[in-house]
Amino acid sequence: MTSEQREAMRQRYQFRCGYCETSEVEAGAELTVDHFQPRSRDGVDAHDNWVYCCHACNEYKGDLWQPDSPQRILHPLHDNLAKHIVEQPDGTLVGLTQTGRFHIQRLRLNRAPLVAHRLEQRENARWQQTVERLKEEVQELRHRMAQVEQALRTLRERER
């Protein structure tokens, strides 16, 4: 893999693990490259076979390759994850299908730090929504203040 290919892959995965979504910033380093179809199972060393992932997910996945089995790993870019997995209010992931359940179990996607991270991301998103709503309210208040100031100027001019 050339440095240009690696950079393109990092960008393709938005600098996050394709399996658990841990970012490079959170990991404190660049992530690893998983051969989705392992080279030990005749996988090719090519763009479509690479998944950018954290060390833990790469280790948990290992050289598993069962493409025609319900007990397989889901490809983050080629499989519809929402068809197989749903996030619960408590931050845990639940498999909707046998494949989803296997994927979660094999990659240990409900390990405590990941659940905590998902909850933190959800809370951050709520705060971001609150900030955006408050910005809009401030804009509206500024607009109203400008209208009141204009009305006051008009009244003062009439008094003169």
Protein backbone atom coordinates (compact mmCIF):
# COMPACT_ATOMS: atom_id res chain seq x y z
CA MET A 1 0.00 0.00 0.00
CA THR A 2 1.42 3.33 -1.00
CA SER A 3 1.23 6.36 1.27
CA GLU A 4 -1.27 7.90 -1.17
CA GLN A 5 -3.49 4.81 -0.99
CA ARG A 6 -3.33 4.82 2.80
CA GLU A 7 -4.28 8.50 2.94
CA ALA A 8 -7.19 7.91 0.55
CA MET A 9 -8.37 5.03 2.74
CA ARG A 10 -8.13 7.14 5.89
CA GLN A 11 -10.26 9.81 4.23
CA ARG A 12 -12.70 7.25 2.86
CA TYR A 13 -13.33 6.06 6.42
CA GLN A 14 -13.31 9.63 7.77
CA PHE A 15 -10.32 8.82 9.99
CA ARG A 16 -12.47 6.34 11.98
CA CYS A 17 -12.57 2.61 12.53
CA GLY A 18 -14.91 1.08 9.99
CA TYR A 19 -16.20 -1.36 12.59
CA CYS A 20 -16.55 0.56 15.89
CA GLU A 21 -16.16 4.19 14.69
CA THR A 22 -13.30 5.02 17.07
CA SER A 23 -11.45 7.99 15.61
CA GLU A 24 -7.73 8.49 15.22
CA VAL A 25 -7.98 11.35 17.73
CA GLU A 26 -9.62 9.07 20.29
CA ALA A 27 -7.09 6.31 19.62
CA GLY A 28 -4.20 8.78 19.74
CA ALA A 29 -2.72 7.45 16.51
CA GLU A 30 -3.46 6.37 12.99
CA LEU A 31 -5.45 3.15 12.83
CA THR A 32 -4.60 -0.16 11.18
CA VAL A 33 -5.59 -1.74 7.91
CA ASP A 34 -7.73 -4.87 7.94
CA HIS A 35 -7.91 -7.09 4.90
CA PHE A 36 -11.64 -7.80 4.95
CA GLN A 37 -11.01 -11.07 3.15
CA PRO A 38 -7.78 -12.02 4.94
CA ARG A 39 -4.70 -12.63 2.85
CA SER A 40 -4.44 -15.99 4.64
CA ARG A 41 -7.81 -16.79 2.99
CA ASP A 42 -6.73 -15.66 -0.49
CA GLY A 43 -7.73 -12.03 0.02
CA VAL A 44 -6.09 -9.53 -2.27
CA ASP A 45 -4.06 -6.53 -1.21
CA ALA A 46 -6.37 -4.01 -2.90
CA HIS A 47 -8.47 -0.92 -2.21
CA ASP A 48 -11.84 -2.74 -2.10
CA ASN A 49 -10.52 -5.30 0.38
CA TRP A 50 -9.13 -2.81 2.90
CA VAL A 51 -11.02 -1.65 5.96
CA TYR A 52 -9.52 1.10 8.08
CA CYS A 53 -9.93 -0.05 11.66
CA CYS A 54 -8.66 0.19 15.20
CA HIS A 55 -6.23 -2.35 16.56
CA ALA A 56 -8.85 -3.95 18.84
CA CYS A 57 -11.36 -4.58 16.05
CA ASN A 58 -8.62 -5.90 13.78
CA GLU A 59 -7.53 -8.34 16.50
CA TYR A 60 -11.08 -9.45 17.32
CA LYS A 61 -11.91 -10.01 13.66
CA GLY A 62 -8.75 -12.01 13.10
CA ASP A 63 -8.69 -14.03 9.91
CA LEU A 64 -12.40 -14.82 9.95
CA TRP A 65 -13.77 -15.27 6.46
CA GLN A 66 -17.19 -16.85 6.00
CA PRO A 67 -18.80 -14.75 3.25
CA ASP A 68 -21.76 -17.06 2.66
CA SER A 69 -22.52 -17.68 6.31
CA PRO A 70 -24.86 -15.71 8.59
CA GLN A 71 -21.92 -15.83 11.00
CA ARG A 72 -19.83 -13.31 9.16
CA ILE A 73 -18.44 -9.85 9.69
CA LEU A 74 -20.35 -7.03 8.00
CA HIS A 75 -18.39 -4.82 5.64
CA PRO A 76 -18.76 -1.19 6.82
CA LEU A 77 -19.03 0.21 3.29
CA HIS A 78 -20.75 -2.61 1.42
CA ASP A 79 -23.32 -3.95 3.90
CA ASN A 80 -26.37 -2.06 5.12
CA LEU A 81 -25.51 -2.02 8.82
CA ALA A 82 -28.91 -0.56 9.79
CA LYS A 83 -30.53 -3.74 8.45
CA HIS A 84 -28.49 -5.81 10.91
CA ILE A 85 -27.75 -3.60 13.94
CA VAL A 86 -29.56 -1.01 16.04
CA GLU A 87 -28.26 1.16 18.86
CA GLN A 88 -30.29 1.08 22.07
CA PRO A 89 -30.95 4.10 24.33
CA ASP A 90 -28.33 2.77 26.78
CA GLY A 91 -25.65 2.88 24.06
CA THR A 92 -25.45 -0.86 23.48
CA LEU A 93 -25.81 -2.40 20.05
CA VAL A 94 -28.35 -5.12 19.36
CA GLY A 95 -28.32 -7.41 16.39
CA LEU A 96 -31.51 -7.45 14.35
CA THR A 97 -30.31 -10.47 12.39
CA GLN A 98 -28.16 -13.48 13.13
CA THR A 99 -25.38 -11.79 11.16
CA GLY A 100 -25.76 -8.58 13.16
CA ARG A 101 -25.62 -10.48 16.45
CA PHE A 102 -22.53 -12.38 15.30
CA HIS A 103 -20.85 -9.18 14.07
CA ILE A 104 -21.43 -7.45 17.44
CA GLN A 105 -20.27 -10.46 19.42
CA ARG A 106 -17.17 -11.20 17.33
CA LEU A 107 -15.94 -7.60 17.32
CA ARG A 108 -17.04 -7.07 20.94
CA LEU A 109 -18.80 -3.88 19.95
CA ASN A 110 -20.51 -3.58 23.33
CA ARG A 111 -17.27 -3.30 25.28
CA ALA A 112 -17.64 -0.69 28.02
CA PRO A 113 -15.46 2.05 26.47
CA LEU A 114 -17.39 1.87 23.18
CA VAL A 115 -20.78 2.03 24.91
CA ALA A 116 -19.57 5.01 26.94
CA HIS A 117 -18.27 6.63 23.75
CA ARG A 118 -21.60 6.18 21.95
CA LEU A 119 -23.43 7.74 24.91
CA GLU A 120 -20.96 10.64 24.94
CA GLN A 121 -21.43 11.18 21.20
CA ARG A 122 -25.19 11.20 21.65
CA GLU A 123 -24.90 13.73 24.49
CA ASN A 124 -22.55 15.89 22.42
CA ALA A 125 -25.05 15.84 19.56
CA ARG A 126 -27.82 16.97 21.94
CA TRP A 127 -25.62 19.81 23.20
CA GLN A 128 -24.80 20.81 19.63
CA GLN A 129 -28.52 20.94 18.81
CA THR A 130 -29.09 23.08 21.90
CA VAL A 131 -26.29 25.45 20.89
CA GLU A 132 -27.71 25.75 17.37
CA ARG A 133 -31.20 26.43 18.73
CA LEU A 134 -29.82 29.07 21.10
CA LYS A 135 -27.91 30.73 18.26
CA GLU A 136 -31.17 30.98 16.31
CA GLU A 137 -32.94 32.43 19.35
CA VAL A 138 -30.17 35.01 19.83
CA GLN A 139 -30.49 35.99 16.15
CA GLU A 140 -34.25 36.40 16.58
CA LEU A 141 -33.74 38.47 19.75
CA ARG A 142 -31.21 40.70 17.97
CA HIS A 143 -33.71 41.20 15.17
CA ARG A 144 -36.44 42.11 17.65
CA MET A 145 -34.10 44.48 19.52
CA ALA A 146 -33.27 46.22 16.24
CA GLN A 147 -37.00 46.65 15.59
CA VAL A 148 -37.57 48.05 19.10
CA GLU A 149 -34.59 50.41 18.73
CA GLN A 150 -35.98 51.62 15.41
CA ALA A 151 -39.40 52.16 16.98
CA LEU A 152 -37.78 54.15 19.81
CA ARG A 153 -35.87 56.31 17.34
CA THR A 154 -39.11 56.97 15.46
CA LEU A 155 -40.89 57.94 18.70
CA ARG A 156 -38.05 60.25 19.72
CA GLU A 157 -38.11 61.96 16.34
CA ARG A 158 -41.86 62.55 16.68
CA GLU A 159 -41.38 64.06 20.14
CA ARG A 160 -38.98 66.67 18.76
